[in-house]
Amino acid sequence: MKKPDFNARAKELESAIVAWRRHFHSFPELSFDEVKTSDYIAAALTEMGCENVAVGTRGRPTGVIADIAGGLPGRRVALRADIDALPIAEETGLPFSSRHLGVMHACGHDGHMAMLLGAVRMLCEVKTQLHGSVRLIFQPSEESAEFVQGARAVVEDGRALDGVDAIFGVHLWSPLPPGVLGWRAGPMMACSDSWTVKLHGQGGHGASPHQTHDPTVAAAQLICALQTFVSRELDPLKSAVLSAGVMKAGGAFNVIPSEAELIGTARSFEPQISRDCEAFIRRMAENIGAAFRCTAELDYRRNLPPTANDPAMAHLGAETGREIFGADMVREVPPTMGGEDFSFYLEKVPGAFFFIGCGDAAKGTDWPHHHCKFTIDESQLRKGAAFEAACAWAFLDQ
């Protein structure tokens, strides 16, 4: 059976893929509020001939799951795109800028949806030749990882991964130049933990500090001490990040408060490092607090596990990518400390996550993700669509 030329077909579909991206960019919706986005996707999938098109995730009205049923028996592979936007006021000046005030696709999800729709179009055209089926996951709420993770909700829903043997996902990535497919076996992105320390002391007049147990001094000492986790607690050959992003205390210049609060994040690639980090923060908070006659309480949350690619699936994607991007443009990349809830799928089934470079200073597409001027190099959309379709075909054709 002749393998379809997804690269050539994606070039023919490029204008449609770009149009989809621009539509999604103009009408962004926040996490678990992607109602019109989901309806638009469902209508497009139905029109293309997909089966079992279903909207909604665990009682919420957003997210879409569907199938492409192949004409030949075989396994089931899943392709995933995230669909939510961010609470950012857009400043790109694009003619198709967000029409929703204060909401913007500032991470590339508009492109992810468009690429997957392009892949769907191509796979539906050859579905009589498919050995098995393709599960399509248009996932809500990737950006709300600290609160309710969309991928976790999709997995717990039970339908998305039912019968799935492998899963693939991609992310448009501004740190990489256009035309590069970034891959690696094993950890690709870090876990995303969050933590809150509350230090309780005894407040009083700022002119009489000797009558207080000042939690702000304890908090300041704790921030400095936390930096020693990486430099003195961690194996130098391993990686982690421990950062305090918020410090809250007091409300008047002449009052020593009774409470101080620190909020931060911790990132690593190994579950044991995450556990060690929690124990370290607790030990430091309690003992530094006690040294300043304060008490401490820690709330530590593991929001996202590391995104760790299955080696076989990563190599399959890299080999497939050489046909789409060119052998010299498929590059093994170092892991990043950013987090991705695609990790929840990888805990359940073998799969791999890839970066598609879209950062071009000449086109103004090198702004960092989550920036008000972030945009993508649209010339990479057809490559992403071809790559996703080709990964699904390659897995099913094994």
Protein backbone atom coordinates (compact mmCIF):
# COMPACT_ATOMS: atom_id res chain seq x y z
CA MET A 1 0.00 0.00 0.00
CA LYS A 2 1.42 3.35 -1.07
CA LYS A 3 2.08 5.79 1.75
CA PRO A 4 0.22 9.10 1.31
CA ASP A 5 2.30 12.19 0.57
CA PHE A 6 1.12 14.25 3.52
CA ASN A 7 3.72 16.94 2.86
CA ALA A 8 2.40 17.63 -0.63
CA ARG A 9 -1.23 17.51 0.48
CA ALA A 10 -0.54 19.88 3.39
CA LYS A 11 0.87 22.43 0.93
CA GLU A 12 -2.41 22.26 -0.99
CA LEU A 13 -4.37 22.76 2.25
CA GLU A 14 -2.13 25.54 3.58
CA SER A 15 -4.59 28.39 2.96
CA ALA A 16 -7.34 26.51 4.80
CA ILE A 17 -5.05 25.70 7.73
CA VAL A 18 -3.98 29.35 8.00
CA ALA A 19 -7.62 30.45 7.83
CA TRP A 20 -8.51 28.13 10.70
CA ARG A 21 -5.65 29.54 12.76
CA ARG A 22 -6.77 33.12 12.12
CA HIS A 23 -10.34 32.33 13.05
CA PHE A 24 -9.28 30.80 16.36
CA HIS A 25 -6.92 33.71 17.00
CA SER A 26 -9.71 36.24 16.48
CA PHE A 27 -12.10 34.49 18.86
CA PRO A 28 -10.06 33.23 21.85
CA GLU A 29 -11.71 31.76 24.93
CA LEU A 30 -10.31 31.08 28.40
CA SER A 31 -9.86 27.74 30.12
CA PHE A 32 -13.06 25.69 30.40
CA ASP A 33 -14.91 28.54 28.70
CA GLU A 34 -14.09 27.42 25.14
CA VAL A 35 -17.75 26.93 24.22
CA LYS A 36 -17.83 28.50 20.75
CA THR A 37 -14.37 27.12 19.99
CA SER A 38 -15.56 23.60 20.81
CA ASP A 39 -18.73 23.99 18.73
CA TYR A 40 -16.69 25.23 15.77
CA ILE A 41 -14.30 22.28 16.01
CA ALA A 42 -17.12 19.77 16.38
CA ALA A 43 -18.87 21.14 13.30
CA ALA A 44 -15.62 20.95 11.29
CA LEU A 45 -14.95 17.36 12.38
CA THR A 46 -18.50 16.31 11.51
CA GLU A 47 -18.22 17.94 8.09
CA MET A 48 -14.97 16.07 7.43
CA GLY A 49 -16.60 12.72 8.19
CA CYS A 50 -15.32 11.94 11.68
CA GLU A 51 -17.25 9.54 13.88
CA ASN A 52 -18.32 9.74 17.54
CA VAL A 53 -17.94 13.53 17.72
CA ALA A 54 -18.61 14.48 21.33
CA VAL A 55 -18.40 17.88 23.05
CA GLY A 56 -17.75 18.27 26.78
CA THR A 57 -15.38 17.01 29.47
CA ARG A 58 -16.50 15.64 32.86
CA GLY A 59 -19.67 17.69 33.00
CA ARG A 60 -18.09 20.81 31.50
CA PRO A 61 -19.32 22.05 28.12
CA THR A 62 -15.95 22.30 26.40
CA GLY A 63 -13.41 20.09 24.68
CA VAL A 64 -14.05 17.76 21.74
CA ILE A 65 -13.32 14.06 21.25
CA ALA A 66 -13.85 12.26 17.94
CA ASP A 67 -12.63 9.31 15.89
CA ILE A 68 -11.43 8.58 12.39
CA ALA A 69 -12.34 4.95 11.77
CA GLY A 70 -9.91 3.27 9.38
CA GLY A 71 -11.00 0.81 6.76
CA LEU A 72 -8.61 -1.91 7.95
CA PRO A 73 -8.22 -3.57 11.37
CA GLY A 74 -5.47 -2.34 13.62
CA ARG A 75 -4.56 -0.31 16.67
CA ARG A 76 -5.72 3.11 17.85
CA VAL A 77 -3.52 6.20 18.00
CA ALA A 78 -4.47 9.56 19.53
CA LEU A 79 -3.57 13.09 18.42
CA ARG A 80 -4.07 15.99 20.84
CA ALA A 81 -4.35 19.77 20.52
CA ASP A 82 -5.04 22.24 23.34
CA ILE A 83 -7.71 24.88 22.70
CA ASP A 84 -7.72 27.53 25.44
CA ALA A 85 -6.35 31.08 25.43
CA LEU A 86 -4.84 33.33 28.11
CA PRO A 87 -6.08 36.39 30.05
CA ILE A 88 -3.73 38.75 28.16
CA ALA A 89 -4.59 41.93 26.25
CA GLU A 90 -3.19 41.51 22.74
CA GLU A 91 -0.73 44.06 21.34
CA THR A 92 0.34 42.39 18.09
CA GLY A 93 -1.48 44.76 15.75
CA LEU A 94 -2.46 41.84 13.52
CA PRO A 95 -5.52 42.39 11.30
CA PHE A 96 -7.03 39.26 12.85
CA SER A 97 -6.23 40.23 16.45
CA SER A 98 -8.39 39.05 19.31
CA ARG A 99 -11.92 40.44 19.30
CA HIS A 100 -12.34 39.49 22.93
CA LEU A 101 -10.97 42.21 25.19
CA GLY A 102 -8.26 40.97 27.54
CA VAL A 103 -8.16 37.46 26.08
CA MET A 104 -5.51 36.26 23.63
CA HIS A 105 -3.99 33.18 22.07
CA ALA A 106 -0.50 33.99 23.32
CA CYS A 107 0.92 30.47 23.40
CA GLY A 108 0.21 28.94 20.00
CA HIS A 109 -2.94 26.97 20.77
CA ASP A 110 -4.69 28.63 17.82
CA GLY A 111 -2.03 27.06 15.61
CA HIS A 112 -2.28 23.72 17.40
CA MET A 113 -6.00 23.50 16.63
CA ALA A 114 -5.47 24.50 13.01
CA MET A 115 -2.68 21.97 12.51
CA LEU A 116 -4.74 19.15 13.95
CA LEU A 117 -7.74 20.07 11.79
CA GLY A 118 -5.41 19.94 8.80
CA ALA A 119 -4.17 16.52 9.87
CA VAL A 120 -7.76 15.36 10.32
CA ARG A 121 -8.65 16.50 6.80
CA MET A 122 -5.75 14.52 5.34
CA LEU A 123 -6.37 11.39 7.41
CA CYS A 124 -10.08 11.39 6.58
CA GLU A 125 -9.16 11.48 2.89
CA VAL A 126 -7.20 8.23 3.24
CA LYS A 127 -9.13 6.55 6.05
CA THR A 128 -10.08 3.53 3.94
CA GLN A 129 -6.35 2.72 3.91
CA LEU A 130 -5.81 3.20 7.66
CA HIS A 131 -4.89 0.13 9.70
CA GLY A 132 -6.89 0.99 12.81
CA SER A 133 -8.32 4.29 14.00
CA VAL A 134 -7.31 7.76 15.12
CA ARG A 135 -8.67 9.31 18.32
CA LEU A 136 -8.83 13.11 18.16
CA ILE A 137 -8.53 15.07 21.41
CA PHE A 138 -9.16 18.81 21.33
CA GLN A 139 -8.39 19.45 24.98
CA PRO A 140 -9.69 22.36 27.09
CA SER A 141 -7.89 24.19 29.87
CA GLU A 142 -4.20 23.48 29.34
CA GLU A 143 -3.32 26.91 30.71
CA SER A 144 -5.02 26.46 34.09
CA ALA A 145 -2.58 23.83 35.28
CA GLU A 146 -2.31 25.19 38.83
CA PHE A 147 -6.04 24.80 39.40
CA VAL A 148 -7.98 22.29 37.25
CA GLN A 149 -5.82 20.62 34.64
CA GLY A 150 -7.64 20.03 31.38
CA ALA A 151 -5.66 16.91 30.50
CA ARG A 152 -6.32 15.39 33.91
CA ALA A 153 -10.05 16.05 33.47
CA VAL A 154 -9.97 14.48 30.00
CA VAL A 155 -8.13 11.40 31.27
CA GLU A 156 -10.49 11.01 34.24
CA ASP A 157 -13.46 11.35 31.89
CA GLY A 158 -12.44 7.95 30.54
CA ARG A 159 -13.47 8.28 26.88
CA ALA A 160 -10.39 9.93 25.40
CA LEU A 161 -7.86 7.18 26.06
CA ASP A 162 -10.24 4.24 25.84
CA GLY A 163 -8.51 1.68 23.63
CA VAL A 164 -5.67 4.08 22.75
CA ASP A 165 -2.29 2.44 22.16
CA ALA A 166 -0.18 5.59 21.65
CA ILE A 167 -0.53 9.38 21.65
CA PHE A 168 1.30 12.25 19.97
CA GLY A 169 1.24 16.00 20.58
CA VAL A 170 3.07 19.07 19.30
CA HIS A 171 3.77 22.60 20.49
CA LEU A 172 4.71 25.57 18.33
CA TRP A 173 7.87 26.84 20.02
CA SER A 174 9.29 30.34 19.65
CA PRO A 175 12.72 29.51 21.22
CA LEU A 176 13.43 27.31 18.17
CA PRO A 177 13.99 28.68 14.65
CA PRO A 178 11.33 28.02 12.01
CA GLY A 179 11.45 24.66 10.31
CA VAL A 180 13.07 22.81 13.22
CA LEU A 181 11.39 19.80 14.81
CA GLY A 182 12.61 19.44 18.40
CA TRP A 183 12.48 16.02 19.98
CA ARG A 184 14.01 13.93 22.71
CA ALA A 185 13.50 10.57 24.40
CA GLY A 186 12.70 10.69 28.11
CA PRO A 187 11.95 13.92 30.01
CA MET A 188 10.96 16.73 27.63
CA MET A 189 9.38 19.16 30.10
CA ALA A 190 9.50 19.46 33.87
CA CYS A 191 6.95 18.87 36.57
CA SER A 192 5.13 21.96 37.78
CA ASP A 193 4.73 22.12 41.56
CA SER A 194 3.42 25.10 43.51
CA TRP A 195 3.90 25.87 47.18
CA THR A 196 2.66 28.34 49.78
CA VAL A 197 4.33 29.02 53.13
CA LYS A 198 2.50 31.00 55.79
CA LEU A 199 4.56 32.31 58.70
CA HIS A 200 2.60 33.27 61.81
CA GLY A 201 4.14 35.62 64.34
CA GLN A 202 3.04 38.39 66.67
CA GLY A 203 2.50 41.80 65.19
CA GLY A 204 2.87 45.19 66.77
CA HIS A 205 4.02 48.76 66.38
CA GLY A 206 6.87 49.31 63.96
CA ALA A 207 8.58 51.47 66.59
CA SER A 208 8.59 48.61 69.10
CA PRO A 209 9.93 45.57 67.24
CA HIS A 210 11.18 44.04 70.50
CA GLN A 211 7.56 43.45 71.45
CA THR A 212 6.83 41.44 68.30
CA HIS A 213 7.72 38.16 66.66
CA ASP A 214 8.29 39.52 63.17
CA PRO A 215 7.28 37.07 60.39
CA THR A 216 8.65 39.36 57.66
CA VAL A 217 12.22 38.84 58.85
CA ALA A 218 11.63 35.09 58.95
CA ALA A 219 10.19 35.25 55.41
CA ALA A 220 13.22 37.18 54.14
CA GLN A 221 15.60 34.66 55.67
CA LEU A 222 13.54 31.81 54.23
CA ILE A 223 13.71 33.19 50.68
CA CYS A 224 17.49 33.26 50.90
CA ALA A 225 17.70 29.81 52.46
CA LEU A 226 15.51 28.24 49.78
CA GLN A 227 18.16 28.99 47.17
CA THR A 228 20.43 26.42 48.79
CA PHE A 229 18.21 23.53 47.72
CA VAL A 230 19.74 23.55 44.25
CA SER A 231 23.25 24.54 45.33
CA ARG A 232 23.63 22.31 48.41
CA GLU A 233 20.87 19.68 48.55
CA LEU A 234 20.70 18.50 44.94
CA ASP A 235 23.11 16.26 43.05
CA PRO A 236 25.07 18.72 40.84
CA LEU A 237 24.45 16.49 37.82
CA LYS A 238 20.67 16.88 38.19
CA SER A 239 18.39 19.85 37.59
CA ALA A 240 15.74 21.69 39.56
CA VAL A 241 14.30 25.15 40.04
CA LEU A 242 12.94 26.54 43.30
CA SER A 243 11.57 30.07 43.02
CA ALA A 244 9.51 32.39 45.21
CA GLY A 245 7.23 34.51 43.06
CA VAL A 246 4.98 36.19 45.63
CA MET A 247 5.61 37.72 49.05
CA LYS A 248 2.70 39.14 51.02
CA ALA A 249 2.92 40.86 54.38
CA GLY A 250 1.41 43.84 56.13
CA GLY A 251 -0.47 46.88 54.94
CA ALA A 252 0.90 49.88 56.82
CA PHE A 253 4.39 51.37 56.99
CA ASN A 254 4.46 51.54 60.77
CA VAL A 255 2.89 48.18 61.65
CA ILE A 256 4.73 44.88 61.94
CA PRO A 257 2.25 42.27 60.66
CA SER A 258 1.27 39.05 62.35
CA GLU A 259 1.54 36.98 59.17
CA ALA A 260 3.72 36.74 56.08
CA GLU A 261 3.08 34.56 53.05
CA LEU A 262 5.40 33.24 50.34
CA ILE A 263 4.16 31.59 47.15
CA GLY A 264 6.39 29.93 44.62
CA THR A 265 7.06 27.12 42.20
CA ALA A 266 9.36 24.12 42.02
CA ARG A 267 10.38 22.34 38.82
CA SER A 268 12.28 19.11 38.23
CA PHE A 269 12.31 16.02 36.04
CA GLU A 270 12.19 13.32 38.71
CA PRO A 271 9.43 12.55 41.26
CA GLN A 272 12.02 11.97 43.99
CA ILE A 273 13.45 15.46 43.53
CA SER A 274 9.93 16.85 43.91
CA ARG A 275 9.48 14.94 47.17
CA ASP A 276 12.89 16.06 48.42
CA CYS A 277 12.04 19.66 47.58
CA GLU A 278 8.82 19.53 49.58
CA ALA A 279 10.63 18.11 52.59
CA PHE A 280 13.34 20.76 52.28
CA ILE A 281 10.88 23.67 52.16
CA ARG A 282 9.00 22.28 55.15
CA ARG A 283 12.20 21.83 57.18
CA MET A 284 13.49 25.30 56.37
CA ALA A 285 10.15 27.02 56.97
CA GLU A 286 9.54 25.36 60.31
CA ASN A 287 13.06 25.81 61.65
CA ILE A 288 13.68 29.35 60.38
CA GLY A 289 10.23 30.28 61.63
CA ALA A 290 11.04 28.83 65.05
CA ALA A 291 14.33 30.73 65.14
CA PHE A 292 12.34 33.94 64.92
CA ARG A 293 9.65 32.71 67.32
CA CYS A 294 7.14 32.17 64.50
CA THR A 295 5.26 29.10 63.34
CA ALA A 296 5.07 27.93 59.73
CA GLU A 297 2.66 25.93 57.60
CA LEU A 298 3.29 24.62 54.10
CA ASP A 299 0.82 23.81 51.34
CA TYR A 300 2.70 21.93 48.58
CA ARG A 301 0.88 20.92 45.40
CA ARG A 302 2.04 18.69 42.54
CA ASN A 303 0.14 20.18 39.65
CA LEU A 304 1.78 18.52 36.67
CA PRO A 305 4.06 15.50 36.45
CA PRO A 306 7.09 15.66 34.13
CA THR A 307 6.38 15.25 30.41
CA ALA A 308 8.47 12.16 29.70
CA ASN A 309 8.46 10.80 26.15
CA ASP A 310 8.40 7.09 25.49
CA PRO A 311 11.73 6.39 23.71
CA ALA A 312 10.19 4.26 20.96
CA MET A 313 7.48 6.83 20.23
CA ALA A 314 10.00 9.69 20.31
CA HIS A 315 12.21 7.91 17.78
CA LEU A 316 9.21 7.10 15.59
CA GLY A 317 8.26 10.78 15.56
CA ALA A 318 11.82 11.91 14.86
CA GLU A 319 12.12 9.48 11.94
CA THR A 320 8.76 10.60 10.59
CA GLY A 321 9.76 14.22 11.03
CA ARG A 322 12.79 13.82 8.77
CA GLU A 323 10.41 13.22 5.87
CA ILE A 324 8.45 16.40 6.64
CA PHE A 325 11.06 18.86 7.91
CA GLY A 326 14.24 17.44 6.37
CA ALA A 327 16.91 15.34 8.07
CA ASP A 328 19.05 18.32 9.10
CA MET A 329 16.07 20.11 10.68
CA VAL A 330 15.13 17.33 13.11
CA ARG A 331 17.15 18.03 16.23
CA GLU A 332 17.40 16.52 19.67
CA VAL A 333 16.76 19.37 22.11
CA PRO A 334 17.50 19.76 25.81
CA PRO A 335 14.56 19.51 28.22
CA THR A 336 12.87 22.68 29.41
CA MET A 337 11.70 23.62 32.90
CA GLY A 338 8.33 24.64 31.49
CA GLY A 339 5.40 22.34 32.28
CA GLU A 340 2.75 20.76 30.03
CA ASP A 341 -0.31 18.76 31.03
CA PHE A 342 0.28 16.41 28.09
CA SER A 343 2.18 14.59 30.85
CA PHE A 344 -1.10 13.13 32.15
CA TYR A 345 -1.63 11.25 28.88
CA LEU A 346 1.94 9.94 28.93
CA GLU A 347 1.34 8.47 32.38
CA LYS A 348 -1.37 6.27 30.84
CA VAL A 349 -0.17 5.33 27.34
CA PRO A 350 3.14 5.47 25.44
CA GLY A 351 3.56 8.63 23.43
CA ALA A 352 5.71 11.62 22.61
CA PHE A 353 5.55 15.40 22.58
CA PHE A 354 7.44 17.54 20.05
CA PHE A 355 8.38 21.19 19.50
CA ILE A 356 7.91 22.88 16.12
CA GLY A 357 10.14 25.93 15.81
CA CYS A 358 8.36 29.17 14.91
CA GLY A 359 10.70 31.89 16.22
CA ASP A 360 11.78 34.26 13.44
CA ALA A 361 12.99 37.75 14.42
CA ALA A 362 12.53 39.01 10.86
CA LYS A 363 8.84 38.11 11.05
CA GLY A 364 8.40 39.23 14.64
CA THR A 365 7.58 35.70 15.80
CA ASP A 366 10.35 35.41 18.36
CA TRP A 367 8.44 36.98 21.26
CA PRO A 368 8.29 34.67 24.29
CA HIS A 369 5.23 32.58 24.97
CA HIS A 370 2.56 34.30 27.11
CA HIS A 371 3.68 37.75 25.88
CA CYS A 372 1.16 40.30 24.63
CA LYS A 373 3.00 40.45 21.29
CA PHE A 374 3.42 36.72 20.83
CA THR A 375 2.55 35.35 17.40
CA ILE A 376 3.60 32.42 15.26
CA ASP A 377 5.22 31.82 11.90
CA GLU A 378 2.24 30.61 9.90
CA SER A 379 4.51 28.93 7.34
CA GLN A 380 5.07 26.16 9.89
CA LEU A 381 1.40 25.24 10.20
CA ARG A 382 1.29 23.03 7.13
CA LYS A 383 4.41 21.21 8.31
CA GLY A 384 2.83 20.59 11.69
CA ALA A 385 -0.35 19.27 10.09
CA ALA A 386 1.63 16.97 7.81
CA PHE A 387 3.75 15.78 10.74
CA GLU A 388 0.77 14.88 12.91
CA ALA A 389 -0.94 13.01 10.09
CA ALA A 390 2.31 11.22 9.24
CA CYS A 391 2.89 10.20 12.89
CA ALA A 392 -0.57 8.67 13.09
CA TRP A 393 -0.06 6.81 9.80
CA ALA A 394 3.43 5.60 10.79
CA PHE A 395 2.25 4.21 14.10
CA LEU A 396 -0.77 2.43 12.61
CA ASP A 397 1.28 1.12 9.70
CA GLN A 398 3.85 -0.62 11.93
